Amino acid sequence: MSWVVVAGERVLKMKKAVRYPFLDFSTPQQRERNCREELRLNRRLAPQVYLGLLALQWHEGRFALLPEDRLPAPGVTIDWLVLMRRLPEQRMLDQVIAAGTLRPEDIDAVIALLALFYRDAARTGLAPDAYLARFRREQAINRALLLQPRFASLDAGAPLDRLDAAIEARAPLLRERVLGGHVVDGHGDLRPEHVCLNDPPVVIDCLEFSAELRQVDPFDELAYLGLECAVIGAPWVARRLIEGAAAALGGRPADELIQLYTANRAVLRARLAVAHLLDAQPRTPERWIPQGERYLAQARSALDALDRG
């Protein structure tokens, strides 16, 4: 949804002029608004990374990029870019896991950052029934895609049925999280590739375009990060994240809700993986069925733990 240009120690992001059901970047005004939201929201977890906005101007037959604080200028602003500090690729969490050098203290530093973030994050006005409806709605989409005949090899029917039953059985717990003020304006896409293990760590690339998708239980996001770490080879991270955050935040939901969050995220990720094969010309098509299978295996494991209590 963005073009990204790396220029030395800086990164420039320019929104594509696209429109999807979940976002609209089709006009310069909408792209500017989104750039400002990206800057505001991501400075919550990475203030030293998100440096500001650049105006793309046209003046006397030439393009120019100007920092916002140099406006007004003689040219006409035709678009906006986000200016970021470049992060060291080898310190991104997914790369550290791949290198086999992740330490427990690295995760503890991430927990400290996220605990402060969640403690101060705005509580949402989401109604309990709306929160529950979101799980049901995503399940309907999961079923519509994962049960297509072309994906029969995934054998997704049983985990989908089990997840449906788990959501309904734990509906009171989900409602309680909202009523207890535990659903916040979070990150929305807390994956290892968005976590940089600098000192101190930073987290980038929140879902700035959807306030709804950022309305999360912190332990849902943490379960998601733990799931993603498990899929790429660090299964121990999940428990450390949950236990560390529980200590820092002074409480946590029941284990069964953590397992439900994990299973729900895993099924969603399976769906997103195989959805690549719906493209007219998918890139690396051989990748997506195995990836979907890995996520469904994680979903089954979480559902098994849920059944064991």
Protein backbone atom coordinates (compact mmCIF):
# COMPACT_ATOMS: atom_id res chain seq x y z
CA MET A 1 0.00 0.00 0.00
CA SER A 2 3.10 2.20 0.05
CA TRP A 3 6.22 2.69 -1.96
CA VAL A 4 9.28 2.54 0.28
CA VAL A 5 12.58 4.17 -0.68
CA VAL A 6 15.71 3.57 1.38
CA ALA A 7 18.19 6.43 1.15
CA GLY A 8 21.20 5.92 3.39
CA GLU A 9 20.05 6.24 6.99
CA ARG A 10 16.59 7.48 6.01
CA VAL A 11 13.47 5.74 4.73
CA LEU A 12 10.73 7.47 2.75
CA LYS A 13 7.20 6.05 2.50
CA MET A 14 4.70 7.26 -0.07
CA LYS A 15 1.13 5.98 -0.10
CA LYS A 16 -0.17 4.39 -3.29
CA ALA A 17 -3.33 5.88 -4.78
CA VAL A 18 -5.46 2.81 -4.06
CA ARG A 19 -8.91 2.05 -2.69
CA TYR A 20 -9.90 -1.16 -0.90
CA PRO A 21 -12.92 -2.03 1.24
CA PHE A 22 -10.83 -1.38 4.36
CA LEU A 23 -8.99 1.81 3.28
CA ASP A 24 -9.13 4.67 0.79
CA PHE A 25 -5.94 6.38 -0.39
CA SER A 26 -7.45 7.52 -3.68
CA THR A 27 -7.03 11.29 -3.22
CA PRO A 28 -4.08 13.45 -2.10
CA GLN A 29 -6.15 14.68 0.85
CA GLN A 30 -6.81 11.15 2.06
CA ARG A 31 -3.15 10.21 1.66
CA GLU A 32 -2.09 13.28 3.63
CA ARG A 33 -4.55 12.42 6.39
CA ASN A 34 -3.21 8.88 6.55
CA CYS A 35 0.41 10.07 6.64
CA ARG A 36 -0.42 12.27 9.61
CA GLU A 37 -2.12 9.38 11.38
CA GLU A 38 0.85 7.12 10.65
CA LEU A 39 3.17 9.68 12.19
CA ARG A 40 1.00 10.31 15.25
CA LEU A 41 0.23 6.70 16.03
CA ASN A 42 3.66 5.23 15.41
CA ARG A 43 5.38 7.84 17.54
CA ARG A 44 3.71 6.13 20.50
CA LEU A 45 6.11 3.17 20.21
CA ALA A 46 8.89 4.55 18.00
CA PRO A 47 9.18 8.33 18.52
CA GLN A 48 12.82 8.43 17.43
CA VAL A 49 12.07 6.56 14.19
CA TYR A 50 9.19 8.58 12.76
CA LEU A 51 10.87 11.88 11.98
CA GLY A 52 8.17 13.88 10.22
CA LEU A 53 6.38 14.54 6.95
CA LEU A 54 7.78 15.63 3.60
CA ALA A 55 5.76 17.56 1.03
CA LEU A 56 6.23 16.46 -2.57
CA GLN A 57 6.07 19.73 -4.51
CA TRP A 58 5.97 20.73 -8.16
CA HIS A 59 7.63 24.06 -8.92
CA GLU A 60 8.88 25.51 -12.20
CA GLY A 61 8.95 22.15 -13.94
CA ARG A 62 10.68 20.23 -11.14
CA PHE A 63 9.76 18.00 -8.24
CA ALA A 64 11.11 18.78 -4.78
CA LEU A 65 10.77 17.24 -1.32
CA LEU A 66 10.42 19.73 1.50
CA PRO A 67 10.11 19.13 5.26
CA GLU A 68 6.76 20.30 6.51
CA ASP A 69 8.37 23.00 8.67
CA ARG A 70 9.64 24.71 5.50
CA LEU A 71 6.13 25.32 4.23
CA PRO A 72 4.58 27.40 2.81
CA ALA A 73 6.83 27.35 -0.23
CA PRO A 74 6.41 28.61 -3.81
CA GLY A 75 5.59 25.17 -5.22
CA VAL A 76 2.33 23.24 -5.27
CA THR A 77 2.13 20.29 -2.87
CA ILE A 78 0.88 17.28 -4.82
CA ASP A 79 1.49 14.51 -2.27
CA TRP A 80 2.98 13.66 1.12
CA LEU A 81 5.60 11.20 2.38
CA VAL A 82 6.52 9.89 5.82
CA LEU A 83 10.19 10.31 6.73
CA MET A 84 11.69 7.62 8.97
CA ARG A 85 15.03 6.75 10.46
CA ARG A 86 16.37 3.51 9.02
CA LEU A 87 16.52 0.63 11.48
CA PRO A 88 19.24 -2.05 11.45
CA GLU A 89 17.77 -5.06 9.64
CA GLN A 90 19.85 -7.51 11.67
CA ARG A 91 18.19 -6.26 14.89
CA MET A 92 14.61 -6.89 13.75
CA LEU A 93 13.07 -9.61 15.90
CA ASP A 94 12.40 -12.00 13.03
CA GLN A 95 16.03 -11.72 11.90
CA VAL A 96 17.37 -12.23 15.41
CA ILE A 97 15.24 -15.38 15.74
CA ALA A 98 16.49 -16.62 12.36
CA ALA A 99 20.08 -16.05 13.47
CA GLY A 100 19.48 -18.04 16.67
CA THR A 101 20.67 -15.17 18.89
CA LEU A 102 17.45 -14.13 20.64
CA ARG A 103 17.88 -13.81 24.43
CA PRO A 104 15.21 -13.74 27.15
CA GLU A 105 16.36 -10.26 28.14
CA ASP A 106 15.57 -9.04 24.63
CA ILE A 107 11.97 -10.09 25.10
CA ASP A 108 11.91 -8.56 28.58
CA ALA A 109 12.88 -5.20 27.08
CA VAL A 110 10.04 -5.46 24.57
CA ILE A 111 7.63 -6.32 27.39
CA ALA A 112 8.72 -3.22 29.31
CA LEU A 113 8.05 -1.02 26.29
CA LEU A 114 4.68 -2.58 25.52
CA ALA A 115 3.51 -2.59 29.13
CA LEU A 116 3.99 1.18 29.35
CA PHE A 117 2.23 1.58 26.03
CA TYR A 118 -0.78 -0.50 27.03
CA ARG A 119 -1.02 1.12 30.44
CA ASP A 120 -1.30 4.57 28.84
CA ALA A 121 -3.25 3.61 25.70
CA ALA A 122 -6.68 5.09 25.19
CA ARG A 123 -9.52 2.81 26.20
CA THR A 124 -12.05 2.29 23.44
CA GLY A 125 -15.77 2.87 23.46
CA LEU A 126 -16.35 -0.55 21.91
CA ALA A 127 -19.46 -2.34 23.16
CA PRO A 128 -19.04 -5.91 24.47
CA ASP A 129 -21.39 -7.34 21.85
CA ALA A 130 -19.52 -5.52 19.08
CA TYR A 131 -16.25 -7.03 20.30
CA LEU A 132 -17.75 -10.51 20.23
CA ALA A 133 -19.36 -9.89 16.83
CA ARG A 134 -15.93 -9.16 15.38
CA PHE A 135 -14.75 -12.67 16.21
CA ARG A 136 -17.86 -14.17 14.63
CA ARG A 137 -17.52 -12.00 11.54
CA GLU A 138 -13.90 -13.01 10.99
CA GLN A 139 -14.89 -16.65 11.38
CA ALA A 140 -17.48 -16.29 8.63
CA ILE A 141 -14.77 -14.92 6.34
CA ASN A 142 -12.39 -17.69 7.41
CA ARG A 143 -14.97 -20.31 6.47
CA ALA A 144 -15.78 -18.73 3.13
CA LEU A 145 -12.14 -18.95 2.07
CA LEU A 146 -10.57 -21.90 3.87
CA LEU A 147 -13.40 -24.29 2.98
CA GLN A 148 -13.16 -23.66 -0.75
CA PRO A 149 -12.56 -26.95 -2.63
CA ARG A 150 -9.21 -25.72 -3.92
CA PHE A 151 -7.95 -25.63 -0.31
CA ALA A 152 -9.33 -29.04 0.72
CA SER A 153 -5.84 -30.32 1.53
CA LEU A 154 -5.74 -27.97 4.51
CA ASP A 155 -8.50 -29.98 6.23
CA ALA A 156 -9.64 -26.75 7.89
CA GLY A 157 -13.18 -27.84 8.73
CA ALA A 158 -12.45 -29.34 12.15
CA PRO A 159 -10.37 -26.43 13.52
CA LEU A 160 -12.97 -23.98 12.22
CA ASP A 161 -15.75 -25.89 14.01
CA ARG A 162 -13.71 -26.08 17.19
CA LEU A 163 -12.92 -22.37 17.05
CA ASP A 164 -16.60 -21.53 16.58
CA ALA A 165 -17.45 -23.57 19.66
CA ALA A 166 -14.61 -22.01 21.66
CA ILE A 167 -15.73 -18.47 20.82
CA GLU A 168 -19.30 -19.17 21.92
CA ALA A 169 -18.21 -20.96 25.09
CA ARG A 170 -15.90 -18.08 26.07
CA ALA A 171 -18.24 -15.28 25.01
CA PRO A 172 -18.68 -14.17 28.65
CA LEU A 173 -14.90 -13.89 29.05
CA LEU A 174 -14.63 -11.80 25.89
CA ARG A 175 -17.39 -9.48 27.08
CA GLU A 176 -15.70 -9.16 30.48
CA ARG A 177 -12.49 -7.92 28.86
CA VAL A 178 -14.41 -5.02 27.33
CA LEU A 179 -16.43 -4.27 30.45
CA GLY A 180 -13.25 -4.31 32.51
CA GLY A 181 -11.65 -1.61 30.36
CA HIS A 182 -9.06 -3.94 28.88
CA VAL A 183 -9.66 -3.21 25.19
CA VAL A 184 -7.39 -0.38 24.05
CA ASP A 185 -6.24 1.51 20.98
CA GLY A 186 -3.29 -0.78 20.39
CA HIS A 187 -0.83 -1.49 17.60
CA GLY A 188 -2.96 -3.71 15.40
CA ASP A 189 -0.21 -5.67 13.63
CA LEU A 190 2.27 -6.78 16.28
CA ARG A 191 4.56 -9.10 14.32
CA PRO A 192 8.28 -9.90 14.78
CA GLU A 193 9.24 -8.00 11.63
CA HIS A 194 7.84 -4.83 13.21
CA VAL A 195 9.88 -5.14 16.42
CA CYS A 196 13.44 -3.80 16.47
CA LEU A 197 15.65 -4.92 19.35
CA ASN A 198 17.54 -1.66 19.65
CA ASP A 199 18.40 -0.33 23.07
CA PRO A 200 15.70 0.63 23.86
CA PRO A 201 13.52 -1.44 21.50
CA VAL A 202 11.00 0.13 19.16
CA VAL A 203 7.88 -1.15 17.40
CA ILE A 204 6.93 0.23 13.98
CA ASP A 205 4.18 -0.07 11.35
CA CYS A 206 0.99 0.00 13.38
CA LEU A 207 -2.32 -0.21 11.52
CA GLU A 208 -2.86 3.50 11.12
CA PHE A 209 -5.61 3.10 8.52
CA SER A 210 -8.09 1.21 10.73
CA ALA A 211 -9.09 2.29 14.21
CA GLU A 212 -11.32 -0.79 14.44
CA LEU A 213 -8.44 -3.22 13.87
CA ARG A 214 -6.42 -1.43 16.54
CA GLN A 215 -9.15 -1.96 19.15
CA VAL A 216 -7.61 -4.93 20.90
CA ASP A 217 -7.06 -6.63 24.20
CA PRO A 218 -3.30 -6.23 24.86
CA PHE A 219 -3.10 -9.95 25.57
CA ASP A 220 -4.61 -10.68 22.17
CA GLU A 221 -1.79 -8.72 20.55
CA LEU A 222 0.79 -10.39 22.76
CA ALA A 223 -0.62 -13.83 21.92
CA TYR A 224 -0.33 -12.86 18.26
CA LEU A 225 3.32 -11.87 18.65
CA GLY A 226 3.99 -15.11 20.51
CA LEU A 227 2.29 -17.10 17.75
CA GLU A 228 4.38 -15.44 15.06
CA CYS A 229 7.57 -16.10 17.01
CA ALA A 230 6.58 -19.76 17.40
CA VAL A 231 5.97 -20.16 13.67
CA ILE A 232 9.48 -18.91 12.87
CA GLY A 233 11.26 -20.98 15.49
CA ALA A 234 11.00 -19.38 18.95
CA PRO A 235 8.04 -21.02 20.73
CA TRP A 236 9.32 -20.05 24.18
CA VAL A 237 8.62 -16.37 23.53
CA ALA A 238 4.83 -16.68 23.89
CA ARG A 239 4.82 -17.68 27.55
CA ARG A 240 7.47 -15.14 28.45
CA LEU A 241 5.46 -12.36 26.80
CA ILE A 242 2.25 -13.26 28.63
CA GLU A 243 3.86 -13.78 32.03
CA GLY A 244 6.01 -10.67 31.76
CA ALA A 245 3.12 -8.48 30.67
CA ALA A 246 0.89 -9.90 33.41
CA ALA A 247 3.47 -8.94 36.02
CA ALA A 248 3.97 -5.48 34.54
CA LEU A 249 0.26 -4.73 34.08
CA GLY A 250 -0.90 -6.25 37.34
CA GLY A 251 -3.11 -8.96 35.90
CA ARG A 252 -4.02 -11.05 32.89
CA PRO A 253 -6.97 -12.94 31.42
CA ALA A 254 -7.47 -16.63 32.06
CA ASP A 255 -5.27 -19.12 30.22
CA GLU A 256 -8.26 -20.30 28.22
CA LEU A 257 -8.72 -16.82 26.75
CA ILE A 258 -5.03 -16.64 25.82
CA GLN A 259 -5.40 -19.95 23.97
CA LEU A 260 -8.56 -18.70 22.27
CA TYR A 261 -6.77 -15.56 21.12
CA THR A 262 -3.89 -17.67 19.81
CA ALA A 263 -6.16 -20.07 17.91
CA ASN A 264 -8.17 -17.21 16.46
CA ARG A 265 -5.05 -15.42 15.22
CA ALA A 266 -3.62 -18.64 13.80
CA VAL A 267 -6.74 -19.36 11.75
CA LEU A 268 -6.80 -15.78 10.50
CA ARG A 269 -3.15 -16.05 9.44
CA ALA A 270 -3.87 -19.33 7.65
CA ARG A 271 -6.61 -17.57 5.73
CA LEU A 272 -4.39 -14.64 4.80
CA ALA A 273 -1.65 -17.02 3.66
CA VAL A 274 -3.75 -19.00 1.21
CA ALA A 275 -5.60 -15.89 0.06
CA HIS A 276 -2.45 -15.05 -1.91
CA LEU A 277 -3.43 -17.87 -4.26
CA LEU A 278 -6.56 -15.96 -5.26
CA ASP A 279 -4.41 -13.40 -7.05
CA ALA A 280 -4.39 -13.66 -10.83
CA GLN A 281 -0.61 -14.19 -10.81
CA PRO A 282 0.46 -15.04 -7.26
CA ARG A 283 4.11 -14.65 -6.40
CA THR A 284 5.82 -17.74 -4.97
CA PRO A 285 2.59 -19.80 -5.17
CA GLU A 286 4.36 -22.85 -3.72
CA ARG A 287 4.78 -21.00 -0.43
CA TRP A 288 1.22 -20.42 0.67
CA ILE A 289 -0.36 -23.84 1.27
CA PRO A 290 2.53 -24.98 3.51
CA GLN A 291 2.32 -21.69 5.37
CA GLY A 292 -1.41 -22.12 5.84
CA GLU A 293 -0.77 -25.64 7.15
CA ARG A 294 1.75 -24.34 9.68
CA TYR A 295 -0.73 -21.82 11.03
CA LEU A 296 -3.53 -24.37 11.22
CA ALA A 297 -1.18 -26.66 13.16
CA GLN A 298 -0.69 -23.82 15.64
CA ALA A 299 -4.45 -23.34 15.82
CA ARG A 300 -5.00 -27.04 16.56
CA SER A 301 -2.33 -26.93 19.26
CA ALA A 302 -3.96 -23.93 20.95
CA LEU A 303 -7.41 -25.53 20.72
CA ASP A 304 -6.03 -28.75 22.22
CA ALA A 305 -4.63 -26.74 25.14
CA LEU A 306 -7.99 -25.03 25.50
CA ASP A 307 -9.79 -28.38 25.66
CA ARG A 308 -7.36 -29.67 28.29
CA GLY A 309 -8.13 -26.65 30.43
